[in-house]
Amino acid sequence: MDDPRYAYATEDEILEYFRTHEMDPNAMDLSDGGDDGSGTYKVSARQMLFPSSFSQDAKNMTENAVCAECGVNTDLTLDHIIPVARWFNTTGYQCSKAQREQWYNDTSNLRVLCRKCNSKKGSGGYRFDSAKVAECIRRKLL
């Protein structure tokens, strides 16, 4: 149960998260979790901790832009200069949901890359620290 890409939470914790964020509890498939009989489910850490899309201000960065690496102007994406997992592990796990959303959309930490260059860059080898994700869930910082 130490895969850093996932948060481990009970079904009650997950359902409370969905109620708090006015999300449909049926939107998350819990069928993979709880295999060991512990009643603990595996959920994408990034999905629970960060917004599913960028703010409009952040999205506007891609208008009339080119890839910061190769200069193409098609299939553009936004890239976090400081990787999301790295920031979460050092600072973000102590922040409220609003503070995480603000950081996620901070244009000073975003740059425009084409999908190919963004895929090459990846996460820089950073992964979510599962203990810090669990702490965030326990402290109700979702």
C-alpha atoms as a PDB file:
ATOM      1  CA  MET A   1       0.000   0.000   0.000  1.00  0.00           C
ATOM      2  CA  ASP A   2       2.852   2.438  -0.530  1.00  0.00           C
ATOM      3  CA  ASP A   3       2.388   3.342  -4.210  1.00  0.00           C
ATOM      4  CA  PRO A   4       3.004   7.130  -4.159  1.00  0.00           C
ATOM      5  CA  ARG A   5       0.676   7.781  -7.089  1.00  0.00           C
ATOM      6  CA  TYR A   6      -2.288   6.935  -4.911  1.00  0.00           C
ATOM      7  CA  ALA A   7      -3.940   7.999  -1.703  1.00  0.00           C
ATOM      8  CA  TYR A   8      -5.237   5.264   0.534  1.00  0.00           C
ATOM      9  CA  ALA A   9      -8.473   6.052   2.294  1.00  0.00           C
ATOM     10  CA  THR A  10     -11.506   4.313   3.677  1.00  0.00           C
ATOM     11  CA  GLU A  11     -14.738   4.381   1.732  1.00  0.00           C
ATOM     12  CA  ASP A  12     -16.198   6.787   4.329  1.00  0.00           C
ATOM     13  CA  GLU A  13     -13.270   9.201   3.857  1.00  0.00           C
ATOM     14  CA  ILE A  14     -13.696   9.096   0.090  1.00  0.00           C
ATOM     15  CA  LEU A  15     -17.456   9.622   0.267  1.00  0.00           C
ATOM     16  CA  GLU A  16     -16.959  12.534   2.686  1.00  0.00           C
ATOM     17  CA  TYR A  17     -14.500  14.062   0.205  1.00  0.00           C
ATOM     18  CA  PHE A  18     -17.085  13.803  -2.569  1.00  0.00           C
ATOM     19  CA  ARG A  19     -19.861  15.291  -0.411  1.00  0.00           C
ATOM     20  CA  THR A  20     -17.617  18.168   0.701  1.00  0.00           C
ATOM     21  CA  HIS A  21     -16.683  18.977  -2.888  1.00  0.00           C
ATOM     22  CA  GLU A  22     -20.228  18.484  -4.228  1.00  0.00           C
ATOM     23  CA  MET A  23     -19.092  15.709  -6.540  1.00  0.00           C
ATOM     24  CA  ASP A  24     -21.005  12.619  -7.639  1.00  0.00           C
ATOM     25  CA  PRO A  25     -19.838   9.739  -5.403  1.00  0.00           C
ATOM     26  CA  ASN A  26     -20.425   7.367  -8.319  1.00  0.00           C
ATOM     27  CA  ALA A  27     -17.733   9.192 -10.324  1.00  0.00           C
ATOM     28  CA  MET A  28     -14.908   7.246  -8.688  1.00  0.00           C
ATOM     29  CA  ASP A  29     -14.449   3.542  -9.256  1.00  0.00           C
ATOM     30  CA  LEU A  30     -13.607   1.887  -5.935  1.00  0.00           C
ATOM     31  CA  SER A  31     -13.537  -1.623  -7.364  1.00  0.00           C
ATOM     32  CA  ASP A  32      -9.713  -1.817  -7.383  1.00  0.00           C
ATOM     33  CA  GLY A  33      -9.303  -0.986  -3.715  1.00  0.00           C
ATOM     34  CA  GLY A  34      -9.718  -2.969  -0.553  1.00  0.00           C
ATOM     35  CA  ASP A  35      -8.218  -6.116  -2.064  1.00  0.00           C
ATOM     36  CA  ASP A  36      -6.511  -7.040   1.195  1.00  0.00           C
ATOM     37  CA  GLY A  37      -9.752  -6.898   3.174  1.00  0.00           C
ATOM     38  CA  SER A  38      -8.677  -3.812   5.101  1.00  0.00           C
ATOM     39  CA  GLY A  39     -11.472  -1.656   3.672  1.00  0.00           C
ATOM     40  CA  THR A  40      -8.900   0.796   2.374  1.00  0.00           C
ATOM     41  CA  TYR A  41      -9.210   2.028  -1.192  1.00  0.00           C
ATOM     42  CA  LYS A  42      -6.616   3.238  -3.652  1.00  0.00           C
ATOM     43  CA  VAL A  43      -7.419   6.634  -5.213  1.00  0.00           C
ATOM     44  CA  SER A  44      -5.362   8.869  -7.510  1.00  0.00           C
ATOM     45  CA  ALA A  45      -3.526  11.331  -5.249  1.00  0.00           C
ATOM     46  CA  ARG A  46      -3.472  14.019  -7.914  1.00  0.00           C
ATOM     47  CA  GLN A  47      -7.206  13.628  -8.532  1.00  0.00           C
ATOM     48  CA  MET A  48      -8.023  14.126  -4.853  1.00  0.00           C
ATOM     49  CA  LEU A  49      -5.547  16.905  -4.124  1.00  0.00           C
ATOM     50  CA  PHE A  50      -5.493  19.190  -7.177  1.00  0.00           C
ATOM     51  CA  PRO A  51      -8.008  20.700  -9.593  1.00  0.00           C
ATOM     52  CA  SER A  52      -8.907  18.682 -12.674  1.00  0.00           C
ATOM     53  CA  SER A  53      -8.246  21.626 -14.980  1.00  0.00           C
ATOM     54  CA  PHE A  54      -6.459  24.969 -15.054  1.00  0.00           C
ATOM     55  CA  SER A  55      -8.101  28.329 -14.363  1.00  0.00           C
ATOM     56  CA  GLN A  56      -9.088  30.483 -17.322  1.00  0.00           C
ATOM     57  CA  ASP A  57      -6.146  32.854 -16.615  1.00  0.00           C
ATOM     58  CA  ALA A  58      -3.755  29.934 -16.869  1.00  0.00           C
ATOM     59  CA  LYS A  59      -5.444  28.584 -20.008  1.00  0.00           C
ATOM     60  CA  ASN A  60      -5.096  32.020 -21.626  1.00  0.00           C
ATOM     61  CA  MET A  61      -1.307  31.535 -21.585  1.00  0.00           C
ATOM     62  CA  THR A  62      -1.615  29.168 -24.553  1.00  0.00           C
ATOM     63  CA  GLU A  63      -3.288  31.735 -26.830  1.00  0.00           C
ATOM     64  CA  ASN A  64      -0.874  32.900 -29.560  1.00  0.00           C
ATOM     65  CA  ALA A  65       1.932  31.008 -27.781  1.00  0.00           C
ATOM     66  CA  VAL A  66       4.646  28.627 -28.900  1.00  0.00           C
ATOM     67  CA  CYS A  67       6.359  25.772 -27.106  1.00  0.00           C
ATOM     68  CA  ALA A  68       9.086  27.119 -24.826  1.00  0.00           C
ATOM     69  CA  GLU A  69      11.326  24.185 -25.808  1.00  0.00           C
ATOM     70  CA  CYS A  70      10.912  23.577 -29.541  1.00  0.00           C
ATOM     71  CA  GLY A  71       8.921  26.576 -30.794  1.00  0.00           C
ATOM     72  CA  VAL A  72       5.956  24.771 -32.401  1.00  0.00           C
ATOM     73  CA  ASN A  73       2.538  26.382 -32.037  1.00  0.00           C
ATOM     74  CA  THR A  74       0.300  23.291 -32.117  1.00  0.00           C
ATOM     75  CA  ASP A  75      -0.911  20.800 -29.512  1.00  0.00           C
ATOM     76  CA  LEU A  76       0.120  23.116 -26.659  1.00  0.00           C
ATOM     77  CA  THR A  77      -0.163  22.244 -22.966  1.00  0.00           C
ATOM     78  CA  LEU A  78       0.644  23.936 -19.674  1.00  0.00           C
ATOM     79  CA  ASP A  79       3.585  22.635 -17.674  1.00  0.00           C
ATOM     80  CA  HIS A  80       4.417  23.247 -14.027  1.00  0.00           C
ATOM     81  CA  ILE A  81       8.035  24.403 -13.827  1.00  0.00           C
ATOM     82  CA  ILE A  82       8.259  23.071 -10.264  1.00  0.00           C
ATOM     83  CA  PRO A  83       6.622  19.626 -10.586  1.00  0.00           C
ATOM     84  CA  VAL A  84       3.330  19.179  -8.745  1.00  0.00           C
ATOM     85  CA  ALA A  85       4.515  16.161  -6.728  1.00  0.00           C
ATOM     86  CA  ARG A  86       7.750  17.905  -5.703  1.00  0.00           C
ATOM     87  CA  TRP A  87       5.881  20.969  -4.429  1.00  0.00           C
ATOM     88  CA  PHE A  88       3.284  18.830  -2.649  1.00  0.00           C
ATOM     89  CA  ASN A  89       5.931  16.760  -0.854  1.00  0.00           C
ATOM     90  CA  THR A  90       7.854  19.809   0.379  1.00  0.00           C
ATOM     91  CA  THR A  91       5.120  22.366   1.083  1.00  0.00           C
ATOM     92  CA  GLY A  92       1.742  21.554  -0.424  1.00  0.00           C
ATOM     93  CA  TYR A  93       0.766  18.768   1.944  1.00  0.00           C
ATOM     94  CA  GLN A  94       0.438  21.392   4.704  1.00  0.00           C
ATOM     95  CA  CYS A  95      -1.723  23.726   2.590  1.00  0.00           C
ATOM     96  CA  SER A  96      -5.463  24.068   2.358  1.00  0.00           C
ATOM     97  CA  LYS A  97      -7.326  23.107  -0.805  1.00  0.00           C
ATOM     98  CA  ALA A  98      -7.635  26.807  -1.733  1.00  0.00           C
ATOM     99  CA  GLN A  99      -3.878  27.336  -1.325  1.00  0.00           C
ATOM    100  CA  ARG A 100      -3.135  24.262  -3.481  1.00  0.00           C
ATOM    101  CA  GLU A 101      -5.499  25.514  -6.198  1.00  0.00           C
ATOM    102  CA  GLN A 102      -3.854  28.942  -6.109  1.00  0.00           C
ATOM    103  CA  TRP A 103      -0.385  27.397  -6.495  1.00  0.00           C
ATOM    104  CA  TYR A 104      -1.593  25.030  -9.235  1.00  0.00           C
ATOM    105  CA  ASN A 105      -2.807  27.999 -11.311  1.00  0.00           C
ATOM    106  CA  ASP A 106       0.047  30.415 -10.494  1.00  0.00           C
ATOM    107  CA  THR A 107       1.178  31.595 -13.915  1.00  0.00           C
ATOM    108  CA  SER A 108       4.689  32.356 -12.613  1.00  0.00           C
ATOM    109  CA  ASN A 109       5.176  28.578 -12.204  1.00  0.00           C
ATOM    110  CA  LEU A 110       3.624  27.644 -15.558  1.00  0.00           C
ATOM    111  CA  ARG A 111       5.058  27.559 -19.032  1.00  0.00           C
ATOM    112  CA  VAL A 112       3.695  26.536 -22.403  1.00  0.00           C
ATOM    113  CA  LEU A 113       5.039  23.304 -23.883  1.00  0.00           C
ATOM    114  CA  CYS A 114       3.812  21.193 -26.754  1.00  0.00           C
ATOM    115  CA  ARG A 115       2.501  17.777 -25.734  1.00  0.00           C
ATOM    116  CA  LYS A 116       5.660  16.052 -27.055  1.00  0.00           C
ATOM    117  CA  CYS A 117       8.066  18.241 -25.018  1.00  0.00           C
ATOM    118  CA  ASN A 118       5.843  18.033 -21.933  1.00  0.00           C
ATOM    119  CA  SER A 119       5.795  14.236 -22.175  1.00  0.00           C
ATOM    120  CA  LYS A 120       9.591  14.152 -22.525  1.00  0.00           C
ATOM    121  CA  LYS A 121       9.995  16.294 -19.406  1.00  0.00           C
ATOM    122  CA  GLY A 122       7.608  14.190 -17.318  1.00  0.00           C
ATOM    123  CA  SER A 123       7.582  14.714 -13.564  1.00  0.00           C
ATOM    124  CA  GLY A 124      11.348  14.866 -13.171  1.00  0.00           C
ATOM    125  CA  GLY A 125      11.183  11.602 -11.247  1.00  0.00           C
ATOM    126  CA  TYR A 126       9.077  13.078  -8.448  1.00  0.00           C
ATOM    127  CA  ARG A 127       6.210  11.070  -7.002  1.00  0.00           C
ATOM    128  CA  PHE A 128       3.693  11.871  -4.323  1.00  0.00           C
ATOM    129  CA  ASP A 129       4.841  10.854  -0.836  1.00  0.00           C
ATOM    130  CA  SER A 130       2.050   8.489   0.224  1.00  0.00           C
ATOM    131  CA  ALA A 131       2.515   9.276   3.932  1.00  0.00           C
ATOM    132  CA  LYS A 132       2.006  12.998   3.250  1.00  0.00           C
ATOM    133  CA  VAL A 133      -1.050  12.277   1.100  1.00  0.00           C
ATOM    134  CA  ALA A 134      -2.493  10.198   3.947  1.00  0.00           C
ATOM    135  CA  GLU A 135      -1.704  13.011   6.416  1.00  0.00           C
ATOM    136  CA  CYS A 136      -3.515  15.479   4.164  1.00  0.00           C
ATOM    137  CA  ILE A 137      -6.579  13.208   4.118  1.00  0.00           C
ATOM    138  CA  ARG A 138      -6.516  12.660   7.894  1.00  0.00           C
ATOM    139  CA  ARG A 139      -6.193  16.384   8.559  1.00  0.00           C
ATOM    140  CA  LYS A 140      -9.145  17.032   6.217  1.00  0.00           C
ATOM    141  CA  LEU A 141      -7.076  19.344   4.024  1.00  0.00           C
ATOM    142  CA  LEU A 142      -8.751  18.054   0.881  1.00  0.00           C
END
